[in-house]
Amino acid sequence: MATELNFPDSAAKSAAGAQAAPAEFQTEKMSLSMGPSHPSTHGVLRLQMELDGEILTKADPILGYLHRGDEKIAENMTYNQFVPYTDRLDYLAPLANNMAYAIAVERLAKLEVPARCQAIRVITAEMARISAHMMGLGAFGLDVGAWSVLLYSLEEREKLYKLFEELTGARFTTSYTRIGGVTRDVPEGWLGRVNAFCDQFLPILEETLKLLTRNKIFMDRTVGIGVIPKEVALAYGLTGPNLRGSGVGLDLRKDKPYSGYEQYEFDVPVGTKGDCYDRYLVRGEEMRQSVRIIKQVIAKFPGGPWYATDAKRIFAPPKEKILSSMEELIQNFMIVTEGPQIPPGEVYFEAENPKGILGFFIVSKGGGVPYRMKIRSPSFCNLSILQKMCVGCLISDVVSILGSLDFVMGECDR
């Protein structure tokens, strides 16, 4: 059973404001619906609130406005055909979703991808983390009245999107990963341009964070607001920056390394109070650490193939071979029409995505189509705590709380 939250007093709320009104002043409570088309709900989230004056006595998150049935769709298409659907989970970090899904299927097939492929996936996943955190930072700033932060964030995301387009052919929904590798190798000079982006990004990140970190208005809106104690965060299954903001240093890239993360040095930032301000600080530091990881990968970028050359029934051959060899043409035809041939079994794999732990549970009966699939989406789990943490807050605090949780309804509803 989840522990009740104990909200400490803060400068933003008086002791009297956090308590119910005296009996002689109590009136009938009001029901207020926030969303599903409210800009501060970051998508189609609806929050059904019950108010005593301006104090929330109840807050029920209502989901499902973006439900598409992704898990059932997966059972009716080949493994590679489902890759574009993973783009639409956390659509702010599609490259990280692609990677998590591909590794899950590859572990089911007991397939080890080459070191070069692993390095490419780490670079793209960390670039996606920076992109997602910058958008979350900009939206959070806008929620509490800091318009300039969003402009800085969008400019840096645009630079990343140009690099994504060079690599994948798409800016937003990349569909870059394939079971057993990636769609194409990095283009000539691309790593140098990524390195140059990292060099120019760090000073801009510091300038952006300075707009908020000691800003009196921002601190009044976030310090001591939306406190999630460590034991409550664990009880509700929070992951990612929301869990680390409460002082739990869980990061799968460190604790259960995948795709070669064990080769790279980086720190896992954790908070001390578990409030909105701590969650903001954690995401800011995570972007610095992502730059640190990317530069290490580029410095020791391996040679060799960028796809599993020995997996003939799983990964399609390169285009030039398909056009010049009958054997490769037949191999490509079979993979496209029947899908990668995955042996019977089941697997659960989870990756450290920008929003938290993204997990895929896949059951196979053999062949090219999964029998069952279940997606553990971090945004869905993180939103489950809203019912507890919003009670006792002011209406204005709800906006800060939602911005600090940094969720995406695409993966929440699936």
Protein backbone atom coordinates (compact mmCIF):
# COMPACT_ATOMS: atom_id res chain seq x y z
CA MET A 1 0.00 0.00 0.00
CA ALA A 2 1.40 3.40 -0.99
CA THR A 3 2.59 5.73 1.75
CA GLU A 4 0.70 8.96 2.20
CA LEU A 5 2.52 12.08 1.03
CA ASN A 6 3.58 14.64 3.63
CA PHE A 7 3.89 18.03 2.00
CA PRO A 8 6.37 20.37 3.72
CA ASP A 9 5.66 24.07 4.06
CA SER A 10 7.21 26.23 1.35
CA ALA A 11 7.70 29.91 0.65
CA ALA A 12 5.12 29.66 -2.11
CA LYS A 13 2.33 28.44 0.20
CA SER A 14 1.37 29.64 3.62
CA ALA A 15 0.65 27.12 6.33
CA ALA A 16 -3.01 28.14 6.29
CA GLY A 17 -3.26 27.77 2.51
CA ALA A 18 -2.24 24.11 2.57
CA GLN A 19 -5.05 23.19 4.98
CA ALA A 20 -8.80 23.02 4.59
CA ALA A 21 -10.75 26.15 5.50
CA PRO A 22 -12.25 26.37 9.04
CA ALA A 23 -15.66 24.73 9.35
CA GLU A 24 -17.57 28.05 9.52
CA PHE A 25 -16.08 29.14 6.18
CA GLN A 26 -16.43 25.85 4.33
CA THR A 27 -18.78 25.87 1.36
CA GLU A 28 -19.79 23.34 -1.23
CA LYS A 29 -16.79 21.92 -3.09
CA MET A 30 -16.41 22.67 -6.78
CA SER A 31 -15.59 20.19 -9.53
CA LEU A 32 -13.23 21.48 -12.22
CA SER A 33 -11.97 19.71 -15.35
CA MET A 34 -8.49 20.65 -16.59
CA GLY A 35 -7.90 19.35 -20.11
CA PRO A 36 -7.93 17.37 -22.32
CA SER A 37 -7.24 20.44 -24.47
CA HIS A 38 -5.44 22.60 -21.92
CA PRO A 39 -1.90 23.72 -22.94
CA SER A 40 -0.45 22.93 -19.51
CA THR A 41 -1.48 19.25 -19.70
CA HIS A 42 1.17 18.67 -22.41
CA GLY A 43 -1.18 16.71 -24.63
CA VAL A 44 -4.59 15.17 -24.17
CA LEU A 45 -4.49 14.54 -20.42
CA ARG A 46 -7.64 15.38 -18.49
CA LEU A 47 -7.40 16.12 -14.79
CA GLN A 48 -10.73 16.00 -12.95
CA MET A 49 -10.25 18.10 -9.84
CA GLU A 50 -12.32 18.74 -6.73
CA LEU A 51 -11.66 22.10 -5.09
CA ASP A 52 -12.19 23.59 -1.68
CA GLY A 53 -11.63 27.23 -2.60
CA GLU A 54 -8.29 27.05 -4.43
CA ILE A 55 -7.07 23.95 -2.58
CA LEU A 56 -7.33 20.60 -4.34
CA THR A 57 -9.03 17.90 -2.31
CA LYS A 58 -9.11 15.39 -5.15
CA ALA A 59 -7.37 14.99 -8.53
CA ASP A 60 -8.13 12.10 -10.88
CA PRO A 61 -6.08 11.80 -14.09
CA ILE A 62 -8.31 10.58 -16.95
CA LEU A 63 -6.40 8.92 -19.78
CA GLY A 64 -7.15 7.27 -23.08
CA TYR A 65 -7.78 10.21 -25.42
CA LEU A 66 -4.76 9.17 -27.52
CA HIS A 67 -5.18 5.40 -27.26
CA ARG A 68 -4.37 3.64 -30.55
CA GLY A 69 -4.02 -0.01 -29.55
CA ASP A 70 -0.30 -0.26 -30.36
CA GLU A 71 0.18 -3.56 -28.53
CA LYS A 72 -2.61 -5.25 -30.47
CA ILE A 73 -1.42 -3.73 -33.74
CA ALA A 74 2.00 -5.32 -33.09
CA GLU A 75 0.45 -8.78 -33.18
CA ASN A 76 -0.69 -8.23 -36.77
CA MET A 77 2.52 -7.09 -38.43
CA THR A 78 6.14 -8.19 -38.74
CA TYR A 79 8.76 -7.11 -36.21
CA ASN A 80 10.28 -4.49 -38.50
CA GLN A 81 6.89 -3.13 -39.53
CA PHE A 82 6.26 -2.18 -35.88
CA VAL A 83 9.36 0.07 -35.70
CA PRO A 84 7.47 3.18 -36.95
CA TYR A 85 4.88 2.64 -34.21
CA THR A 86 7.62 2.91 -31.58
CA ASP A 87 8.37 6.39 -32.98
CA ARG A 88 4.90 7.40 -31.83
CA LEU A 89 5.39 6.35 -28.19
CA ASP A 90 7.60 9.08 -26.75
CA TYR A 91 7.52 11.07 -29.99
CA LEU A 92 10.08 13.49 -28.55
CA ALA A 93 12.71 10.70 -28.48
CA PRO A 94 11.87 8.23 -31.29
CA LEU A 95 15.48 7.06 -31.70
CA ALA A 96 15.58 5.90 -28.08
CA ASN A 97 12.27 4.02 -28.53
CA ASN A 98 13.57 2.35 -31.70
CA MET A 99 16.65 1.17 -29.84
CA ALA A 100 14.78 -0.28 -26.84
CA TYR A 101 12.38 -2.24 -29.06
CA ALA A 102 15.11 -3.59 -31.33
CA ILE A 103 17.24 -4.80 -28.41
CA ALA A 104 14.21 -6.62 -26.93
CA VAL A 105 13.62 -8.56 -30.17
CA GLU A 106 17.34 -9.21 -30.62
CA ARG A 107 17.58 -10.69 -27.13
CA LEU A 108 14.63 -12.92 -27.98
CA ALA A 109 16.53 -14.05 -31.07
CA LYS A 110 19.79 -14.36 -29.05
CA LEU A 111 21.41 -12.02 -31.56
CA GLU A 112 24.42 -9.84 -30.73
CA VAL A 113 24.82 -6.77 -32.94
CA PRO A 114 28.33 -5.49 -33.85
CA ALA A 115 30.15 -2.89 -31.78
CA ARG A 116 29.71 -0.21 -34.46
CA CYS A 117 25.94 -0.67 -34.40
CA GLN A 118 25.89 -0.44 -30.61
CA ALA A 119 27.92 2.79 -30.74
CA ILE A 120 25.57 4.35 -33.31
CA ARG A 121 22.58 3.46 -31.15
CA VAL A 122 24.16 4.99 -28.03
CA ILE A 123 24.94 8.25 -29.86
CA THR A 124 21.41 8.54 -31.25
CA ALA A 125 19.80 7.61 -27.93
CA GLU A 126 21.75 10.29 -26.06
CA MET A 127 21.00 12.86 -28.75
CA ALA A 128 17.33 11.92 -28.34
CA ARG A 129 17.67 12.39 -24.57
CA ILE A 130 19.02 15.91 -25.06
CA SER A 131 16.27 16.71 -27.57
CA ALA A 132 13.50 15.41 -25.26
CA HIS A 133 14.88 17.13 -22.16
CA MET A 134 15.27 20.44 -24.01
CA MET A 135 11.64 20.28 -25.10
CA GLY A 136 10.58 19.36 -21.56
CA LEU A 137 12.66 22.22 -20.17
CA GLY A 138 11.18 24.72 -22.62
CA ALA A 139 7.60 23.59 -21.93
CA PHE A 140 8.19 23.64 -18.16
CA GLY A 141 9.56 27.18 -18.37
CA LEU A 142 6.61 28.29 -20.47
CA ASP A 143 4.17 26.74 -17.98
CA VAL A 144 5.50 28.94 -15.18
CA GLY A 145 5.90 32.07 -17.29
CA ALA A 146 9.45 31.90 -18.70
CA TRP A 147 8.92 32.36 -22.45
CA SER A 148 12.61 32.84 -23.41
CA VAL A 149 13.59 29.33 -22.25
CA LEU A 150 11.33 27.76 -24.88
CA LEU A 151 12.98 29.79 -27.65
CA TYR A 152 16.44 28.60 -26.60
CA SER A 153 15.19 25.02 -26.41
CA LEU A 154 13.56 25.02 -29.84
CA GLU A 155 16.69 26.43 -31.47
CA GLU A 156 18.87 23.63 -30.07
CA ARG A 157 16.31 20.97 -31.02
CA GLU A 158 16.31 22.31 -34.57
CA LYS A 159 20.08 21.74 -34.77
CA LEU A 160 19.56 18.18 -33.57
CA TYR A 161 16.76 17.59 -36.09
CA LYS A 162 19.09 18.55 -38.93
CA LEU A 163 21.57 15.94 -37.72
CA PHE A 164 18.76 13.37 -37.39
CA GLU A 165 17.67 14.10 -40.95
CA GLU A 166 21.21 13.61 -42.27
CA LEU A 167 21.41 10.23 -40.57
CA THR A 168 17.90 8.80 -40.91
CA GLY A 169 16.22 10.79 -43.70
CA ALA A 170 13.56 12.11 -41.28
CA ARG A 171 13.49 14.84 -38.67
CA PHE A 172 10.82 13.65 -36.28
CA THR A 173 9.61 10.07 -36.76
CA THR A 174 12.90 8.47 -37.70
CA SER A 175 12.20 4.69 -37.85
CA TYR A 176 15.98 4.29 -37.95
CA THR A 177 16.55 0.97 -36.17
CA ARG A 178 16.01 -2.49 -37.64
CA ILE A 179 16.10 -5.87 -35.95
CA GLY A 180 19.78 -6.75 -36.16
CA GLY A 181 21.15 -3.30 -36.91
CA VAL A 182 20.23 0.12 -38.25
CA THR A 183 18.93 1.21 -41.64
CA ARG A 184 22.21 2.76 -42.78
CA ASP A 185 25.72 3.62 -41.60
CA VAL A 186 26.63 7.14 -40.44
CA PRO A 187 27.30 9.47 -43.40
CA GLU A 188 30.76 10.87 -44.00
CA GLY A 189 31.59 13.74 -41.66
CA TRP A 190 28.46 13.24 -39.55
CA LEU A 191 30.33 12.34 -36.36
CA GLY A 192 32.37 15.53 -36.67
CA ARG A 193 29.20 17.58 -36.96
CA VAL A 194 27.74 15.85 -33.89
CA ASN A 195 30.92 16.63 -31.97
CA ALA A 196 30.73 20.28 -33.08
CA PHE A 197 27.12 20.44 -31.89
CA CYS A 198 28.15 19.14 -28.46
CA ASP A 199 30.91 21.77 -28.17
CA GLN A 200 28.57 24.65 -28.93
CA PHE A 201 25.62 23.18 -27.00
CA LEU A 202 27.17 23.17 -23.51
CA PRO A 203 27.61 26.98 -23.23
CA ILE A 204 24.07 27.52 -24.55
CA LEU A 205 22.71 24.96 -22.06
CA GLU A 206 24.41 26.81 -19.20
CA GLU A 207 22.99 30.11 -20.42
CA THR A 208 19.50 28.57 -20.68
CA LEU A 209 19.62 27.06 -17.20
CA LYS A 210 20.79 30.39 -15.74
CA LEU A 211 17.46 31.86 -16.80
CA LEU A 212 15.72 29.56 -14.33
CA THR A 213 18.04 28.15 -11.67
CA ARG A 214 18.21 31.28 -9.47
CA ASN A 215 15.14 32.99 -10.86
CA LYS A 216 12.99 34.14 -7.92
CA ILE A 217 9.67 33.54 -9.68
CA PHE A 218 10.71 30.09 -10.91
CA MET A 219 11.94 29.07 -7.46
CA ASP A 220 8.72 30.27 -5.81
CA ARG A 221 6.75 28.14 -8.28
CA THR A 222 8.89 24.97 -7.85
CA VAL A 223 10.80 24.81 -4.53
CA GLY A 224 8.83 22.75 -2.03
CA ILE A 225 6.05 22.13 -4.57
CA GLY A 226 5.00 18.62 -5.60
CA VAL A 227 7.27 16.82 -3.14
CA ILE A 228 7.59 13.06 -3.73
CA PRO A 229 9.43 11.30 -0.88
CA LYS A 230 11.78 8.48 -1.82
CA GLU A 231 9.61 5.67 -0.44
CA VAL A 232 6.50 7.03 -2.19
CA ALA A 233 8.31 7.31 -5.53
CA LEU A 234 9.34 3.65 -5.23
CA ALA A 235 5.86 2.55 -4.14
CA TYR A 236 4.25 4.14 -7.20
CA GLY A 237 6.78 2.74 -9.67
CA LEU A 238 8.25 6.06 -10.76
CA THR A 239 11.37 5.85 -12.93
CA GLY A 240 13.77 8.14 -14.74
CA PRO A 241 14.40 11.75 -13.66
CA ASN A 242 11.23 11.75 -11.52
CA LEU A 243 12.61 8.89 -9.40
CA ARG A 244 16.15 10.23 -9.34
CA GLY A 245 14.80 13.64 -8.29
CA SER A 246 13.53 11.92 -5.13
CA GLY A 247 17.02 10.66 -4.26
CA VAL A 248 16.96 7.16 -5.81
CA GLY A 249 19.99 6.77 -8.10
CA LEU A 250 18.48 4.09 -10.36
CA ASP A 251 19.74 4.33 -13.95
CA LEU A 252 19.69 1.21 -16.12
CA ARG A 253 22.60 2.49 -18.18
CA LYS A 254 24.69 2.04 -15.00
CA ASP A 255 22.83 -0.71 -13.15
CA LYS A 256 21.99 -3.01 -16.11
CA PRO A 257 24.18 -1.77 -18.98
CA TYR A 258 23.14 -2.50 -22.56
CA SER A 259 24.49 -1.57 -26.00
CA GLY A 260 27.98 -0.98 -24.57
CA TYR A 261 27.07 1.65 -21.94
CA GLU A 262 29.46 -0.04 -19.52
CA GLN A 263 32.37 1.35 -21.58
CA TYR A 264 31.54 4.99 -20.88
CA GLU A 265 32.06 7.18 -17.84
CA PHE A 266 29.14 9.32 -16.68
CA ASP A 267 27.46 10.37 -13.44
CA VAL A 268 23.87 9.77 -12.33
CA PRO A 269 22.44 12.98 -10.80
CA VAL A 270 20.00 12.61 -7.89
CA GLY A 271 17.91 15.12 -5.95
CA THR A 272 17.51 15.57 -2.21
CA LYS A 273 13.98 16.93 -1.66
CA GLY A 274 12.01 15.33 -4.51
CA ASP A 275 10.22 18.58 -5.41
CA CYS A 276 9.62 20.20 -8.81
CA TYR A 277 12.89 22.10 -8.52
CA ASP A 278 14.93 18.94 -7.95
CA ARG A 279 13.38 17.27 -10.98
CA TYR A 280 14.35 20.30 -13.05
CA LEU A 281 17.95 20.21 -11.78
CA VAL A 282 18.27 16.47 -12.50
CA ARG A 283 17.23 16.91 -16.14
CA GLY A 284 19.65 19.80 -16.59
CA GLU A 285 22.56 17.70 -15.32
CA GLU A 286 21.48 14.70 -17.40
CA MET A 287 21.94 16.75 -20.56
CA ARG A 288 25.51 17.55 -19.53
CA GLN A 289 26.15 13.85 -18.94
CA SER A 290 24.63 12.92 -22.33
CA VAL A 291 27.11 15.25 -24.04
CA ARG A 292 29.88 13.58 -22.05
CA ILE A 293 28.76 10.12 -23.26
CA ILE A 294 28.44 11.20 -26.91
CA LYS A 295 31.96 12.64 -26.97
CA GLN A 296 33.35 9.40 -25.51
CA VAL A 297 31.57 7.28 -28.12
CA ILE A 298 32.87 9.45 -30.96
CA ALA A 299 36.42 9.33 -29.55
CA LYS A 300 36.47 5.51 -29.59
CA PHE A 301 34.04 4.92 -32.48
CA PRO A 302 34.63 1.36 -33.73
CA GLY A 303 34.98 0.15 -37.30
CA GLY A 304 33.44 -2.95 -38.83
CA PRO A 305 29.87 -3.66 -39.96
CA TRP A 306 26.87 -1.67 -38.73
CA TYR A 307 24.49 -4.64 -38.87
CA ALA A 308 24.59 -8.33 -37.92
CA THR A 309 26.13 -9.89 -41.04
CA ASP A 310 25.57 -13.46 -39.81
CA ALA A 311 21.80 -13.06 -39.32
CA LYS A 312 20.64 -13.84 -42.85
CA ARG A 313 17.03 -14.56 -41.88
CA ILE A 314 16.75 -11.49 -39.69
CA PHE A 315 18.52 -8.51 -41.28
CA ALA A 316 18.00 -7.59 -44.94
CA PRO A 317 21.21 -7.37 -47.05
CA PRO A 318 22.52 -4.00 -48.29
CA LYS A 319 20.72 -2.51 -51.31
CA GLU A 320 23.70 -2.85 -53.66
CA LYS A 321 23.82 -6.60 -53.02
CA ILE A 322 20.06 -6.97 -53.49
CA LEU A 323 20.40 -5.41 -56.96
CA SER A 324 23.34 -7.59 -57.99
CA SER A 325 22.82 -11.04 -56.41
CA MET A 326 19.89 -13.44 -56.74
CA GLU A 327 20.56 -14.98 -53.30
CA GLU A 328 20.39 -11.57 -51.57
CA LEU A 329 17.30 -10.63 -53.60
CA ILE A 330 15.47 -13.77 -52.39
CA GLN A 331 16.68 -13.15 -48.81
CA ASN A 332 15.34 -9.59 -48.91
CA PHE A 333 12.02 -10.76 -50.37
CA MET A 334 11.52 -13.31 -47.58
CA ILE A 335 12.36 -10.82 -44.80
CA VAL A 336 10.06 -8.15 -46.23
CA THR A 337 7.10 -10.47 -46.81
CA GLU A 338 7.42 -12.84 -43.83
CA GLY A 339 9.42 -10.72 -41.38
CA PRO A 340 12.61 -11.54 -39.46
CA GLN A 341 12.46 -15.16 -38.33
CA ILE A 342 12.47 -15.09 -34.53
CA PRO A 343 12.54 -18.37 -32.53
CA PRO A 344 9.78 -19.24 -30.01
CA GLY A 345 10.15 -17.83 -26.50
CA GLU A 346 9.51 -14.74 -24.46
CA VAL A 347 11.61 -11.80 -23.32
CA TYR A 348 11.34 -8.64 -21.26
CA PHE A 349 13.81 -5.83 -21.87
CA GLU A 350 13.76 -2.32 -20.48
CA ALA A 351 15.88 0.69 -21.40
CA GLU A 352 16.58 4.00 -19.68
CA ASN A 353 14.61 6.42 -21.85
CA PRO A 354 14.35 10.20 -21.29
CA LYS A 355 10.99 9.84 -19.51
CA GLY A 356 12.03 6.77 -17.51
CA ILE A 357 12.16 3.02 -18.01
CA LEU A 358 10.61 1.88 -21.29
CA GLY A 359 10.03 -1.88 -21.31
CA PHE A 360 8.91 -4.39 -23.94
CA PHE A 361 7.55 -7.83 -23.06
CA ILE A 362 7.35 -9.96 -26.20
CA VAL A 363 6.04 -13.49 -26.64
CA SER A 364 6.97 -15.36 -29.82
CA LYS A 365 5.63 -18.61 -31.25
CA GLY A 366 8.25 -18.48 -33.97
CA GLY A 367 8.17 -16.77 -37.35
CA GLY A 368 8.10 -13.12 -38.29
CA VAL A 369 5.15 -11.82 -36.21
CA PRO A 370 5.00 -11.50 -32.39
CA TYR A 371 2.29 -13.51 -30.68
CA ARG A 372 1.85 -11.01 -27.83
CA MET A 373 3.42 -7.69 -26.84
CA LYS A 374 3.13 -5.53 -23.72
CA ILE A 375 4.72 -2.10 -23.41
CA ARG A 376 5.71 -0.64 -20.04
CA SER A 377 5.50 3.09 -20.69
CA PRO A 378 7.20 5.34 -18.13
CA SER A 379 4.79 8.26 -18.57
CA PHE A 380 1.81 6.06 -17.66
CA CYS A 381 3.49 4.88 -14.44
CA ASN A 382 4.73 8.36 -13.55
CA LEU A 383 1.25 9.88 -13.90
CA SER A 384 -0.23 7.37 -11.44
CA ILE A 385 1.05 9.45 -8.53
CA LEU A 386 -0.96 12.56 -9.49
CA GLN A 387 -3.92 11.48 -7.34
CA LYS A 388 -1.72 11.68 -4.24
CA MET A 389 0.72 14.49 -4.90
CA CYS A 390 -1.85 17.06 -6.09
CA VAL A 391 -4.07 16.83 -3.00
CA GLY A 392 -3.47 19.85 -0.77
CA CYS A 393 -1.92 21.93 -3.55
CA LEU A 394 -3.16 25.16 -5.08
CA ILE A 395 -4.53 25.20 -8.64
CA SER A 396 -1.43 27.12 -9.76
CA ASP A 397 0.78 24.38 -8.29
CA VAL A 398 -0.81 21.77 -10.58
CA VAL A 399 0.73 23.47 -13.61
CA SER A 400 4.20 23.30 -12.03
CA ILE A 401 3.71 19.66 -11.02
CA LEU A 402 2.64 18.56 -14.50
CA GLY A 403 5.56 20.40 -16.10
CA SER A 404 8.05 18.84 -13.68
CA LEU A 405 6.81 15.27 -14.38
CA ASP A 406 7.57 15.79 -18.10
CA PHE A 407 5.26 13.13 -19.53
CA VAL A 408 4.20 12.35 -23.11
CA MET A 409 0.67 11.14 -23.74
CA GLY A 410 1.74 9.19 -26.84
CA GLU A 411 3.42 6.52 -24.75
CA CYS A 412 1.04 6.94 -21.81
CA ASP A 413 -2.03 5.93 -23.82
CA ARG A 414 -0.25 3.80 -26.45
